[in-house]
């Protein structure tokens, strides 16, 4: 049996976390289609909080918009075909499911999508409470 090569989640930037220790922080480039952060003063203590928050929240917001387009706003206006729960209660049930998955499987590269879903459902919960 061969040992699986260690891979590192792109979100684990902290020095030494999961065995990841870059030789020089200024060599790290983090990019997506809309943003590019690169070297210079990039280190664990000087990451720009605002930019990171925008990047992470933008990913969740885009996920929610894509799912809303695909499902037709059923999170905030459930069709009530099988379940008769209102939007808030249905979202809370989904949150329980996501938390159970994290409790049973932990947080790792295989459950990172579950964490994104959990954050998304918390956004939806807040939206349902504002309605």
C-alpha atoms as a PDB file:
ATOM      1  CA  UNK A   1       0.000   0.000   0.000  1.00  0.00           C
ATOM      2  CA  UNK A   2       1.466   3.340  -0.986  1.00  0.00           C
ATOM      3  CA  UNK A   3       1.248   6.339   1.249  1.00  0.00           C
ATOM      4  CA  UNK A   4      -0.866   9.159  -0.136  1.00  0.00           C
ATOM      5  CA  UNK A   5       1.221  12.207  -0.902  1.00  0.00           C
ATOM      6  CA  UNK A   6       0.471  15.029   1.514  1.00  0.00           C
ATOM      7  CA  UNK A   7      -1.447  17.829  -0.091  1.00  0.00           C
ATOM      8  CA  UNK A   8      -2.226  21.092   1.547  1.00  0.00           C
ATOM      9  CA  UNK A   9      -5.489  22.909   1.547  1.00  0.00           C
ATOM     10  CA  UNK A  10      -5.122  26.314  -0.111  1.00  0.00           C
ATOM     11  CA  UNK A  11      -6.642  27.961   2.976  1.00  0.00           C
ATOM     12  CA  UNK A  12      -3.974  26.737   5.401  1.00  0.00           C
ATOM     13  CA  UNK A  13      -1.392  29.489   5.230  1.00  0.00           C
ATOM     14  CA  UNK A  14      -0.190  29.434   8.817  1.00  0.00           C
ATOM     15  CA  UNK A  15       3.443  28.496   9.150  1.00  0.00           C
ATOM     16  CA  UNK A  16       3.764  24.858  10.091  1.00  0.00           C
ATOM     17  CA  UNK A  17       0.067  24.000   9.848  1.00  0.00           C
ATOM     18  CA  UNK A  18      -0.438  20.537   8.374  1.00  0.00           C
ATOM     19  CA  UNK A  19       3.277  20.340   7.702  1.00  0.00           C
ATOM     20  CA  UNK A  20       3.210  23.359   5.390  1.00  0.00           C
ATOM     21  CA  UNK A  21       6.183  25.604   5.977  1.00  0.00           C
ATOM     22  CA  UNK A  22       7.054  27.938   3.113  1.00  0.00           C
ATOM     23  CA  UNK A  23      10.691  28.913   2.704  1.00  0.00           C
ATOM     24  CA  UNK A  24       9.848  32.533   2.143  1.00  0.00           C
ATOM     25  CA  UNK A  25       6.403  34.100   2.600  1.00  0.00           C
ATOM     26  CA  UNK A  26       7.043  36.639  -0.163  1.00  0.00           C
ATOM     27  CA  UNK A  27       7.132  33.766  -2.683  1.00  0.00           C
ATOM     28  CA  UNK A  28       3.494  32.871  -2.028  1.00  0.00           C
ATOM     29  CA  UNK A  29       0.885  34.024  -4.529  1.00  0.00           C
ATOM     30  CA  UNK A  30      -2.779  33.545  -3.759  1.00  0.00           C
ATOM     31  CA  UNK A  31      -5.080  34.184  -6.666  1.00  0.00           C
ATOM     32  CA  UNK A  32      -8.498  33.624  -8.059  1.00  0.00           C
ATOM     33  CA  UNK A  33     -10.159  34.971 -11.190  1.00  0.00           C
ATOM     34  CA  UNK A  34     -10.866  38.347  -9.577  1.00  0.00           C
ATOM     35  CA  UNK A  35      -8.060  38.850  -7.074  1.00  0.00           C
ATOM     36  CA  UNK A  36      -4.328  38.449  -6.935  1.00  0.00           C
ATOM     37  CA  UNK A  37      -2.306  38.843  -3.796  1.00  0.00           C
ATOM     38  CA  UNK A  38       1.391  38.433  -4.019  1.00  0.00           C
ATOM     39  CA  UNK A  39       4.521  38.564  -1.936  1.00  0.00           C
ATOM     40  CA  UNK A  40       6.136  41.602  -0.466  1.00  0.00           C
ATOM     41  CA  UNK A  41       4.846  41.922   3.075  1.00  0.00           C
ATOM     42  CA  UNK A  42       2.708  38.787   2.913  1.00  0.00           C
ATOM     43  CA  UNK A  43       3.167  36.836   6.119  1.00  0.00           C
ATOM     44  CA  UNK A  44       0.859  35.330   8.728  1.00  0.00           C
ATOM     45  CA  UNK A  45       0.823  38.543  10.761  1.00  0.00           C
ATOM     46  CA  UNK A  46       0.267  41.038   7.958  1.00  0.00           C
ATOM     47  CA  UNK A  47      -2.424  39.426   5.770  1.00  0.00           C
ATOM     48  CA  UNK A  48      -4.959  42.074   4.954  1.00  0.00           C
ATOM     49  CA  UNK A  49      -8.007  41.095   7.004  1.00  0.00           C
ATOM     50  CA  UNK A  50     -10.418  43.076   4.852  1.00  0.00           C
ATOM     51  CA  UNK A  51      -9.204  41.492   1.608  1.00  0.00           C
ATOM     52  CA  UNK A  52      -9.296  37.997   3.066  1.00  0.00           C
ATOM     53  CA  UNK A  53     -12.784  38.543   4.480  1.00  0.00           C
ATOM     54  CA  UNK A  54     -13.976  39.834   1.103  1.00  0.00           C
ATOM     55  CA  UNK A  55     -12.422  36.865  -0.705  1.00  0.00           C
ATOM     56  CA  UNK A  56     -13.933  34.243   1.608  1.00  0.00           C
ATOM     57  CA  UNK A  57     -17.376  35.859   1.835  1.00  0.00           C
ATOM     58  CA  UNK A  58     -17.472  36.406  -1.936  1.00  0.00           C
ATOM     59  CA  UNK A  59     -16.965  32.667  -2.458  1.00  0.00           C
ATOM     60  CA  UNK A  60     -19.897  31.851  -0.158  1.00  0.00           C
ATOM     61  CA  UNK A  61     -22.104  34.546  -1.676  1.00  0.00           C
ATOM     62  CA  UNK A  62     -21.417  33.273  -5.207  1.00  0.00           C
ATOM     63  CA  UNK A  63     -22.232  29.720  -4.065  1.00  0.00           C
ATOM     64  CA  UNK A  64     -25.547  30.917  -2.606  1.00  0.00           C
ATOM     65  CA  UNK A  65     -26.434  32.821  -5.776  1.00  0.00           C
ATOM     66  CA  UNK A  66     -25.650  29.790  -7.966  1.00  0.00           C
ATOM     67  CA  UNK A  67     -27.728  27.473  -5.782  1.00  0.00           C
ATOM     68  CA  UNK A  68     -30.588  29.960  -5.618  1.00  0.00           C
ATOM     69  CA  UNK A  69     -30.617  30.163  -9.414  1.00  0.00           C
ATOM     70  CA  UNK A  70     -30.577  26.355  -9.687  1.00  0.00           C
ATOM     71  CA  UNK A  71     -33.219  25.696  -7.010  1.00  0.00           C
ATOM     72  CA  UNK A  72     -35.463  28.709  -7.561  1.00  0.00           C
ATOM     73  CA  UNK A  73     -35.305  30.472  -4.174  1.00  0.00           C
ATOM     74  CA  UNK A  74     -36.611  27.434  -2.303  1.00  0.00           C
ATOM     75  CA  UNK A  75     -34.503  28.224   0.768  1.00  0.00           C
ATOM     76  CA  UNK A  76     -36.486  31.349   1.612  1.00  0.00           C
ATOM     77  CA  UNK A  77     -39.720  30.238  -0.094  1.00  0.00           C
ATOM     78  CA  UNK A  78     -39.975  26.468   0.402  1.00  0.00           C
ATOM     79  CA  UNK A  79     -42.356  24.664  -1.959  1.00  0.00           C
ATOM     80  CA  UNK A  80     -43.849  22.638   0.956  1.00  0.00           C
ATOM     81  CA  UNK A  81     -44.309  19.521  -1.152  1.00  0.00           C
ATOM     82  CA  UNK A  82     -43.132  17.028   1.470  1.00  0.00           C
ATOM     83  CA  UNK A  83     -41.977  19.196   4.350  1.00  0.00           C
ATOM     84  CA  UNK A  84     -44.358  21.696   5.878  1.00  0.00           C
ATOM     85  CA  UNK A  85     -41.576  23.554   7.712  1.00  0.00           C
ATOM     86  CA  UNK A  86     -41.330  27.281   7.180  1.00  0.00           C
ATOM     87  CA  UNK A  87     -38.114  28.688   5.714  1.00  0.00           C
ATOM     88  CA  UNK A  88     -36.429  29.371   9.059  1.00  0.00           C
ATOM     89  CA  UNK A  89     -37.168  25.915  10.477  1.00  0.00           C
ATOM     90  CA  UNK A  90     -36.113  24.182   7.249  1.00  0.00           C
ATOM     91  CA  UNK A  91     -32.801  26.081   7.232  1.00  0.00           C
ATOM     92  CA  UNK A  92     -32.258  25.146  10.887  1.00  0.00           C
ATOM     93  CA  UNK A  93     -32.819  21.466   9.971  1.00  0.00           C
ATOM     94  CA  UNK A  94     -30.191  21.767   7.214  1.00  0.00           C
ATOM     95  CA  UNK A  95     -27.807  23.430   9.676  1.00  0.00           C
ATOM     96  CA  UNK A  96     -28.275  20.476  12.035  1.00  0.00           C
ATOM     97  CA  UNK A  97     -27.407  18.094   9.175  1.00  0.00           C
ATOM     98  CA  UNK A  98     -24.216  20.011   8.334  1.00  0.00           C
ATOM     99  CA  UNK A  99     -23.159  20.192  11.985  1.00  0.00           C
ATOM    100  CA  UNK A 100     -23.758  16.453  12.369  1.00  0.00           C
ATOM    101  CA  UNK A 101     -21.544  15.759   9.359  1.00  0.00           C
ATOM    102  CA  UNK A 102     -18.766  17.899  10.835  1.00  0.00           C
ATOM    103  CA  UNK A 103     -19.213  16.220  14.232  1.00  0.00           C
ATOM    104  CA  UNK A 104     -18.946  12.762  12.660  1.00  0.00           C
ATOM    105  CA  UNK A 105     -16.233  13.425  10.067  1.00  0.00           C
ATOM    106  CA  UNK A 106     -14.357  16.417  11.446  1.00  0.00           C
ATOM    107  CA  UNK A 107     -13.065  19.338   9.441  1.00  0.00           C
ATOM    108  CA  UNK A 108     -10.626  18.382   6.718  1.00  0.00           C
ATOM    109  CA  UNK A 109     -10.132  18.697   2.976  1.00  0.00           C
ATOM    110  CA  UNK A 110     -12.996  16.242   2.376  1.00  0.00           C
ATOM    111  CA  UNK A 111     -15.459  18.265   4.472  1.00  0.00           C
ATOM    112  CA  UNK A 112     -14.398  21.765   3.425  1.00  0.00           C
ATOM    113  CA  UNK A 113     -17.518  22.012   1.237  1.00  0.00           C
ATOM    114  CA  UNK A 114     -19.598  21.200   4.317  1.00  0.00           C
ATOM    115  CA  UNK A 115     -18.076  24.189   6.118  1.00  0.00           C
ATOM    116  CA  UNK A 116     -18.906  26.396   3.112  1.00  0.00           C
ATOM    117  CA  UNK A 117     -22.476  25.044   3.123  1.00  0.00           C
ATOM    118  CA  UNK A 118     -22.762  25.681   6.859  1.00  0.00           C
ATOM    119  CA  UNK A 119     -21.673  29.298   6.442  1.00  0.00           C
ATOM    120  CA  UNK A 120     -24.099  29.659   3.529  1.00  0.00           C
ATOM    121  CA  UNK A 121     -26.983  28.290   5.576  1.00  0.00           C
ATOM    122  CA  UNK A 122     -26.135  30.747   8.355  1.00  0.00           C
ATOM    123  CA  UNK A 123     -26.420  33.563   5.798  1.00  0.00           C
ATOM    124  CA  UNK A 124     -29.766  32.113   4.694  1.00  0.00           C
ATOM    125  CA  UNK A 125     -30.922  31.841   8.317  1.00  0.00           C
ATOM    126  CA  UNK A 126     -30.110  35.509   8.878  1.00  0.00           C
ATOM    127  CA  UNK A 127     -31.964  36.407   5.671  1.00  0.00           C
ATOM    128  CA  UNK A 128     -35.015  34.352   6.708  1.00  0.00           C
ATOM    129  CA  UNK A 129     -35.093  36.160  10.049  1.00  0.00           C
ATOM    130  CA  UNK A 130     -34.985  39.532   8.285  1.00  0.00           C
ATOM    131  CA  UNK A 131     -37.966  38.710   6.036  1.00  0.00           C
END
